[in-house]
Amino acid sequence: MRSLAHVGVGVTVSVVDVPGADPVSLRLLEMGLTPGVNVAVVAAAPLGDPLELELRGYRLSIRRREAALVTVAT
């Protein structure tokens, strides 16, 4: 398993966990990054940050440091 921050553009993964009870982790869960959901990495900004994700029928942009909190599996 690895973090969402290390997934390449064009790859779809499944969320395993968003550990922690800090405000950022809770906000990621509220935005739909819950265990079991499939997430596609659609694009990355020219310097690599932020990432554009597609999940649950919508697109979401998050920073790599936030994506590093999300554990995923292929």
PDB file of N, CA and C in Angstrom:
ATOM      1  N   MET A   1       0.829  -1.176   0.000  1.00  0.00           N
ATOM      2  CA  MET A   1       0.000   0.000   0.000  1.00  0.00           C
ATOM      3  C   MET A   1       0.882   1.250   0.000  1.00  0.00           C
ATOM      4  N   ARG A   2       0.316   2.327  -0.538  1.00  0.00           N
ATOM      5  CA  ARG A   2       1.064   3.575  -0.638  1.00  0.00           C
ATOM      6  C   ARG A   2       0.117   4.752  -0.455  1.00  0.00           C
ATOM      7  N   SER A   3       0.675   5.939  -0.445  1.00  0.00           N
ATOM      8  CA  SER A   3      -0.170   7.118  -0.274  1.00  0.00           C
ATOM      9  C   SER A   3      -0.632   7.630  -1.640  1.00  0.00           C
ATOM     10  N   LEU A   4      -1.710   8.362  -1.628  1.00  0.00           N
ATOM     11  CA  LEU A   4      -2.265   8.942  -2.842  1.00  0.00           C
ATOM     12  C   LEU A   4      -1.295   9.932  -3.483  1.00  0.00           C
ATOM     13  N   ALA A   5      -0.419  10.507  -2.703  1.00  0.00           N
ATOM     14  CA  ALA A   5       0.564  11.464  -3.226  1.00  0.00           C
ATOM     15  C   ALA A   5       1.548  10.817  -4.193  1.00  0.00           C
ATOM     16  N   HIS A   6       1.708   9.500  -4.141  1.00  0.00           N
ATOM     17  CA  HIS A   6       2.674   8.801  -4.984  1.00  0.00           C
ATOM     18  C   HIS A   6       2.041   8.077  -6.167  1.00  0.00           C
ATOM     19  N   VAL A   7       0.772   8.367  -6.445  1.00  0.00           N
ATOM     20  CA  VAL A   7       0.070   7.742  -7.568  1.00  0.00           C
ATOM     21  C   VAL A   7       0.246   8.626  -8.795  1.00  0.00           C
ATOM     22  N   GLY A   8       0.546   8.017  -9.926  1.00  0.00           N
ATOM     23  CA  GLY A   8       0.761   8.770 -11.160  1.00  0.00           C
ATOM     24  C   GLY A   8      -0.532   9.193 -11.834  1.00  0.00           C
ATOM     25  N   VAL A   9      -0.414  10.165 -12.705  1.00  0.00           N
ATOM     26  CA  VAL A   9      -1.553  10.654 -13.478  1.00  0.00           C
ATOM     27  C   VAL A   9      -2.064   9.540 -14.385  1.00  0.00           C
ATOM     28  N   GLY A  10      -3.374   9.380 -14.445  1.00  0.00           N
ATOM     29  CA  GLY A  10      -3.993   8.350 -15.274  1.00  0.00           C
ATOM     30  C   GLY A  10      -4.223   7.038 -14.556  1.00  0.00           C
ATOM     31  N   VAL A  11      -3.858   6.962 -13.291  1.00  0.00           N
ATOM     32  CA  VAL A  11      -4.007   5.729 -12.511  1.00  0.00           C
ATOM     33  C   VAL A  11      -5.223   5.837 -11.598  1.00  0.00           C
ATOM     34  N   THR A  12      -5.975   4.752 -11.505  1.00  0.00           N
ATOM     35  CA  THR A  12      -7.120   4.687 -10.600  1.00  0.00           C
ATOM     36  C   THR A  12      -6.778   3.746  -9.451  1.00  0.00           C
ATOM     37  N   VAL A  13      -7.050   4.191  -8.237  1.00  0.00           N
ATOM     38  CA  VAL A  13      -6.756   3.413  -7.037  1.00  0.00           C
ATOM     39  C   VAL A  13      -7.984   3.401  -6.135  1.00  0.00           C
ATOM     40  N   SER A  14      -7.927   2.577  -5.115  1.00  0.00           N
ATOM     41  CA  SER A  14      -9.001   2.482  -4.132  1.00  0.00           C
ATOM     42  C   SER A  14      -8.481   2.970  -2.783  1.00  0.00           C
ATOM     43  N   VAL A  15      -9.272   3.805  -2.119  1.00  0.00           N
ATOM     44  CA  VAL A  15      -8.886   4.330  -0.810  1.00  0.00           C
ATOM     45  C   VAL A  15      -8.990   3.211   0.222  1.00  0.00           C
ATOM     46  N   VAL A  16      -7.944   3.053   1.009  1.00  0.00           N
ATOM     47  CA  VAL A  16      -7.921   2.056   2.075  1.00  0.00           C
ATOM     48  C   VAL A  16      -8.223   2.704   3.422  1.00  0.00           C
ATOM     49  N   ASP A  17      -7.580   3.866   3.671  1.00  0.00           N
ATOM     50  CA  ASP A  17      -7.733   4.513   4.978  1.00  0.00           C
ATOM     51  C   ASP A  17      -7.303   5.969   4.901  1.00  0.00           C
ATOM     52  N   VAL A  18      -7.904   6.776   5.751  1.00  0.00           N
ATOM     53  CA  VAL A  18      -7.462   8.150   5.991  1.00  0.00           C
ATOM     54  C   VAL A  18      -7.276   8.238   7.503  1.00  0.00           C
ATOM     55  N   PRO A  19      -6.085   7.857   7.994  1.00  0.00           N
ATOM     56  CA  PRO A  19      -5.885   7.795   9.435  1.00  0.00           C
ATOM     57  C   PRO A  19      -5.805   9.174  10.076  1.00  0.00           C
ATOM     58  N   GLY A  20      -6.096   9.217  11.335  1.00  0.00           N
ATOM     59  CA  GLY A  20      -5.965  10.452  12.090  1.00  0.00           C
ATOM     60  C   GLY A  20      -7.295  11.116  12.354  1.00  0.00           C
ATOM     61  N   ALA A  21      -7.283  11.993  13.342  1.00  0.00           N
ATOM     62  CA  ALA A  21      -8.469  12.750  13.711  1.00  0.00           C
ATOM     63  C   ALA A  21      -8.202  14.245  13.622  1.00  0.00           C
ATOM     64  N   ASP A  22      -7.151  14.606  12.886  1.00  0.00           N
ATOM     65  CA  ASP A  22      -6.823  16.025  12.721  1.00  0.00           C
ATOM     66  C   ASP A  22      -7.808  16.663  11.743  1.00  0.00           C
ATOM     67  N   PRO A  23      -7.908  17.986  11.710  1.00  0.00           N
ATOM     68  CA  PRO A  23      -8.873  18.658  10.842  1.00  0.00           C
ATOM     69  C   PRO A  23      -8.720  18.336   9.354  1.00  0.00           C
ATOM     70  N   VAL A  24      -7.493  18.172   8.872  1.00  0.00           N
ATOM     71  CA  VAL A  24      -7.285  17.881   7.448  1.00  0.00           C
ATOM     72  C   VAL A  24      -7.807  16.489   7.109  1.00  0.00           C
ATOM     73  N   SER A  25      -7.505  15.493   7.917  1.00  0.00           N
ATOM     74  CA  SER A  25      -7.981  14.131   7.672  1.00  0.00           C
ATOM     75  C   SER A  25      -9.507  14.074   7.702  1.00  0.00           C
ATOM     76  N   LEU A  26     -10.105  14.745   8.651  1.00  0.00           N
ATOM     77  CA  LEU A  26     -11.567  14.759   8.745  1.00  0.00           C
ATOM     78  C   LEU A  26     -12.182  15.453   7.533  1.00  0.00           C
ATOM     79  N   ARG A  27     -11.561  16.524   7.058  1.00  0.00           N
ATOM     80  CA  ARG A  27     -12.080  17.232   5.883  1.00  0.00           C
ATOM     81  C   ARG A  27     -11.968  16.365   4.636  1.00  0.00           C
ATOM     82  N   LEU A  28     -10.894  15.601   4.495  1.00  0.00           N
ATOM     83  CA  LEU A  28     -10.751  14.692   3.359  1.00  0.00           C
ATOM     84  C   LEU A  28     -11.868  13.653   3.368  1.00  0.00           C
ATOM     85  N   LEU A  29     -12.194  13.135   4.539  1.00  0.00           N
ATOM     86  CA  LEU A  29     -13.302  12.183   4.661  1.00  0.00           C
ATOM     87  C   LEU A  29     -14.621  12.843   4.274  1.00  0.00           C
ATOM     88  N   GLU A  30     -14.838  14.073   4.718  1.00  0.00           N
ATOM     89  CA  GLU A  30     -16.065  14.797   4.384  1.00  0.00           C
ATOM     90  C   GLU A  30     -16.188  15.048   2.882  1.00  0.00           C
ATOM     91  N   MET A  31     -15.053  15.204   2.197  1.00  0.00           N
ATOM     92  CA  MET A  31     -15.067  15.449   0.754  1.00  0.00           C
ATOM     93  C   MET A  31     -15.244  14.161  -0.048  1.00  0.00           C
ATOM     94  N   GLY A  32     -15.374  13.024   0.621  1.00  0.00           N
ATOM     95  CA  GLY A  32     -15.669  11.782  -0.077  1.00  0.00           C
ATOM     96  C   GLY A  32     -14.537  10.793  -0.191  1.00  0.00           C
ATOM     97  N   LEU A  33     -13.371  11.097   0.339  1.00  0.00           N
ATOM     98  CA  LEU A  33     -12.246  10.163   0.294  1.00  0.00           C
ATOM     99  C   LEU A  33     -12.370   9.161   1.434  1.00  0.00           C
ATOM    100  N   THR A  34     -13.373   8.310   1.339  1.00  0.00           N
ATOM    101  CA  THR A  34     -13.656   7.320   2.368  1.00  0.00           C
ATOM    102  C   THR A  34     -13.166   5.948   1.914  1.00  0.00           C
ATOM    103  N   PRO A  35     -12.896   5.054   2.859  1.00  0.00           N
ATOM    104  CA  PRO A  35     -12.428   3.715   2.485  1.00  0.00           C
ATOM    105  C   PRO A  35     -13.369   3.025   1.503  1.00  0.00           C
ATOM    106  N   GLY A  36     -12.769   2.448   0.456  1.00  0.00           N
ATOM    107  CA  GLY A  36     -13.522   1.712  -0.544  1.00  0.00           C
ATOM    108  C   GLY A  36     -13.827   2.489  -1.813  1.00  0.00           C
ATOM    109  N   VAL A  37     -13.730   3.799  -1.781  1.00  0.00           N
ATOM    110  CA  VAL A  37     -14.051   4.599  -2.967  1.00  0.00           C
ATOM    111  C   VAL A  37     -12.892   4.555  -3.963  1.00  0.00           C
ATOM    112  N   ASN A  38     -13.226   4.496  -5.256  1.00  0.00           N
ATOM    113  CA  ASN A  38     -12.206   4.531  -6.304  1.00  0.00           C
ATOM    114  C   ASN A  38     -11.891   5.972  -6.649  1.00  0.00           C
ATOM    115  N   VAL A  39     -10.598   6.269  -6.802  1.00  0.00           N
ATOM    116  CA  VAL A  39     -10.127   7.616  -7.092  1.00  0.00           C
ATOM    117  C   VAL A  39      -9.203   7.548  -8.301  1.00  0.00           C
ATOM    118  N   ALA A  40      -9.481   8.389  -9.297  1.00  0.00           N
ATOM    119  CA  ALA A  40      -8.614   8.490 -10.465  1.00  0.00           C
ATOM    120  C   ALA A  40      -7.822   9.787 -10.364  1.00  0.00           C
ATOM    121  N   VAL A  41      -6.518   9.704 -10.577  1.00  0.00           N
ATOM    122  CA  VAL A  41      -5.687  10.900 -10.617  1.00  0.00           C
ATOM    123  C   VAL A  41      -5.756  11.410 -12.055  1.00  0.00           C
ATOM    124  N   VAL A  42      -6.429  12.537 -12.246  1.00  0.00           N
ATOM    125  CA  VAL A  42      -6.698  13.075 -13.577  1.00  0.00           C
ATOM    126  C   VAL A  42      -5.551  13.940 -14.089  1.00  0.00           C
ATOM    127  N   ALA A  43      -4.997  14.777 -13.215  1.00  0.00           N
ATOM    128  CA  ALA A  43      -3.940  15.691 -13.645  1.00  0.00           C
ATOM    129  C   ALA A  43      -3.148  16.173 -12.443  1.00  0.00           C
ATOM    130  N   ALA A  44      -2.003  16.734 -12.748  1.00  0.00           N
ATOM    131  CA  ALA A  44      -1.179  17.392 -11.732  1.00  0.00           C
ATOM    132  C   ALA A  44      -0.747  18.729 -12.313  1.00  0.00           C
ATOM    133  N   ALA A  45      -0.645  19.730 -11.469  1.00  0.00           N
ATOM    134  CA  ALA A  45      -0.200  21.039 -11.911  1.00  0.00           C
ATOM    135  C   ALA A  45       1.238  20.936 -12.443  1.00  0.00           C
ATOM    136  N   PRO A  46       1.670  21.904 -13.250  1.00  0.00           N
ATOM    137  CA  PRO A  46       3.010  21.832 -13.846  1.00  0.00           C
ATOM    138  C   PRO A  46       4.144  21.566 -12.855  1.00  0.00           C
ATOM    139  N   LEU A  47       4.057  22.094 -11.656  1.00  0.00           N
ATOM    140  CA  LEU A  47       5.099  21.838 -10.660  1.00  0.00           C
ATOM    141  C   LEU A  47       4.741  20.671  -9.743  1.00  0.00           C
ATOM    142  N   GLY A  48       3.646  19.952 -10.069  1.00  0.00           N
ATOM    143  CA  GLY A  48       3.281  18.752  -9.326  1.00  0.00           C
ATOM    144  C   GLY A  48       2.304  18.954  -8.184  1.00  0.00           C
ATOM    145  N   ASP A  49       1.926  20.187  -7.921  1.00  0.00           N
ATOM    146  CA  ASP A  49       1.035  20.435  -6.788  1.00  0.00           C
ATOM    147  C   ASP A  49       0.076  21.557  -7.158  1.00  0.00           C
ATOM    148  N   PRO A  50      -1.203  21.404  -7.098  1.00  0.00           N
ATOM    149  CA  PRO A  50      -1.993  20.325  -6.525  1.00  0.00           C
ATOM    150  C   PRO A  50      -2.281  19.201  -7.526  1.00  0.00           C
ATOM    151  N   LEU A  51      -2.953  18.170  -7.029  1.00  0.00           N
ATOM    152  CA  LEU A  51      -3.413  17.043  -7.836  1.00  0.00           C
ATOM    153  C   LEU A  51      -4.897  17.217  -8.111  1.00  0.00           C
ATOM    154  N   GLU A  52      -5.332  16.840  -9.314  1.00  0.00           N
ATOM    155  CA  GLU A  52      -6.751  16.838  -9.630  1.00  0.00           C
ATOM    156  C   GLU A  52      -7.229  15.391  -9.618  1.00  0.00           C
ATOM    157  N   LEU A  53      -8.234  15.123  -8.794  1.00  0.00           N
ATOM    158  CA  LEU A  53      -8.766  13.772  -8.625  1.00  0.00           C
ATOM    159  C   LEU A  53     -10.191  13.706  -9.137  1.00  0.00           C
ATOM    160  N   GLU A  54     -10.605  12.519  -9.559  1.00  0.00           N
ATOM    161  CA  GLU A  54     -11.997  12.295  -9.918  1.00  0.00           C
ATOM    162  C   GLU A  54     -12.522  11.154  -9.056  1.00  0.00           C
ATOM    163  N   LEU A  55     -13.605  11.420  -8.329  1.00  0.00           N
ATOM    164  CA  LEU A  55     -14.220  10.419  -7.470  1.00  0.00           C
ATOM    165  C   LEU A  55     -15.689  10.750  -7.287  1.00  0.00           C
ATOM    166  N   ARG A  56     -16.506   9.737  -7.148  1.00  0.00           N
ATOM    167  CA  ARG A  56     -17.939   9.899  -6.889  1.00  0.00           C
ATOM    168  C   ARG A  56     -18.632  10.857  -7.855  1.00  0.00           C
ATOM    169  N   GLY A  57     -18.150  10.920  -9.097  1.00  0.00           N
ATOM    170  CA  GLY A  57     -18.795  11.748 -10.103  1.00  0.00           C
ATOM    171  C   GLY A  57     -18.418  13.221 -10.091  1.00  0.00           C
ATOM    172  N   TYR A  58     -17.404  13.594  -9.339  1.00  0.00           N
ATOM    173  CA  TYR A  58     -16.958  14.987  -9.344  1.00  0.00           C
ATOM    174  C   TYR A  58     -15.439  15.040  -9.302  1.00  0.00           C
ATOM    175  N   ARG A  59     -14.901  16.226  -9.536  1.00  0.00           N
ATOM    176  CA  ARG A  59     -13.447  16.426  -9.514  1.00  0.00           C
ATOM    177  C   ARG A  59     -13.067  17.251  -8.296  1.00  0.00           C
ATOM    178  N   LEU A  60     -11.921  16.908  -7.742  1.00  0.00           N
ATOM    179  CA  LEU A  60     -11.434  17.510  -6.510  1.00  0.00           C
ATOM    180  C   LEU A  60      -9.944  17.788  -6.658  1.00  0.00           C
ATOM    181  N   SER A  61      -9.502  18.959  -6.241  1.00  0.00           N
ATOM    182  CA  SER A  61      -8.079  19.289  -6.249  1.00  0.00           C
ATOM    183  C   SER A  61      -7.592  19.370  -4.812  1.00  0.00           C
ATOM    184  N   ILE A  62      -6.504  18.646  -4.528  1.00  0.00           N
ATOM    185  CA  ILE A  62      -5.906  18.681  -3.196  1.00  0.00           C
ATOM    186  C   ILE A  62      -4.386  18.777  -3.334  1.00  0.00           C
ATOM    187  N   ARG A  63      -3.751  19.258  -2.318  1.00  0.00           N
ATOM    188  CA  ARG A  63      -2.293  19.375  -2.308  1.00  0.00           C
ATOM    189  C   ARG A  63      -1.656  18.006  -2.049  1.00  0.00           C
ATOM    190  N   ARG A  64      -0.436  17.848  -2.487  1.00  0.00           N
ATOM    191  CA  ARG A  64       0.264  16.568  -2.285  1.00  0.00           C
ATOM    192  C   ARG A  64       0.417  16.237  -0.806  1.00  0.00           C
ATOM    193  N   ARG A  65       0.655  17.248   0.027  1.00  0.00           N
ATOM    194  CA  ARG A  65       0.810  16.961   1.463  1.00  0.00           C
ATOM    195  C   ARG A  65      -0.500  16.439   2.059  1.00  0.00           C
ATOM    196  N   GLU A  66      -1.645  16.860   1.509  1.00  0.00           N
ATOM    197  CA  GLU A  66      -2.939  16.322   1.944  1.00  0.00           C
ATOM    198  C   GLU A  66      -3.135  14.916   1.380  1.00  0.00           C
ATOM    199  N   ALA A  67      -2.748  14.714   0.110  1.00  0.00           N
ATOM    200  CA  ALA A  67      -2.859  13.394  -0.511  1.00  0.00           C
ATOM    201  C   ALA A  67      -1.990  12.365   0.190  1.00  0.00           C
ATOM    202  N   ALA A  68      -0.906  12.815   0.821  1.00  0.00           N
ATOM    203  CA  ALA A  68      -0.017  11.902   1.533  1.00  0.00           C
ATOM    204  C   ALA A  68      -0.702  11.283   2.756  1.00  0.00           C
ATOM    205  N   LEU A  69      -1.786  11.878   3.214  1.00  0.00           N
ATOM    206  CA  LEU A  69      -2.523  11.329   4.367  1.00  0.00           C
ATOM    207  C   LEU A  69      -3.454  10.180   3.981  1.00  0.00           C
ATOM    208  N   VAL A  70      -3.685  10.002   2.668  1.00  0.00           N
ATOM    209  CA  VAL A  70      -4.633   8.994   2.181  1.00  0.00           C
ATOM    210  C   VAL A  70      -3.887   7.736   1.762  1.00  0.00           C
ATOM    211  N   THR A  71      -4.171   6.611   2.409  1.00  0.00           N
ATOM    212  CA  THR A  71      -3.566   5.325   2.055  1.00  0.00           C
ATOM    213  C   THR A  71      -4.419   4.672   0.989  1.00  0.00           C
ATOM    214  N   VAL A  72      -3.772   4.215  -0.106  1.00  0.00           N
ATOM    215  CA  VAL A  72      -4.504   3.623  -1.237  1.00  0.00           C
ATOM    216  C   VAL A  72      -3.898   2.283  -1.632  1.00  0.00           C
ATOM    217  N   ALA A  73      -4.687   1.535  -2.378  1.00  0.00           N
ATOM    218  CA  ALA A  73      -4.229   0.262  -2.951  1.00  0.00           C
ATOM    219  C   ALA A  73      -4.670   0.224  -4.407  1.00  0.00           C
ATOM    220  N   THR A  74      -3.882  -0.460  -5.249  1.00  0.00           N
ATOM    221  CA  THR A  74      -4.227  -0.554  -6.662  1.00  0.00           C
ATOM    222  C   THR A  74      -5.225  -1.639  -6.919  1.00  0.00           C
TER     223      THR A  74
END
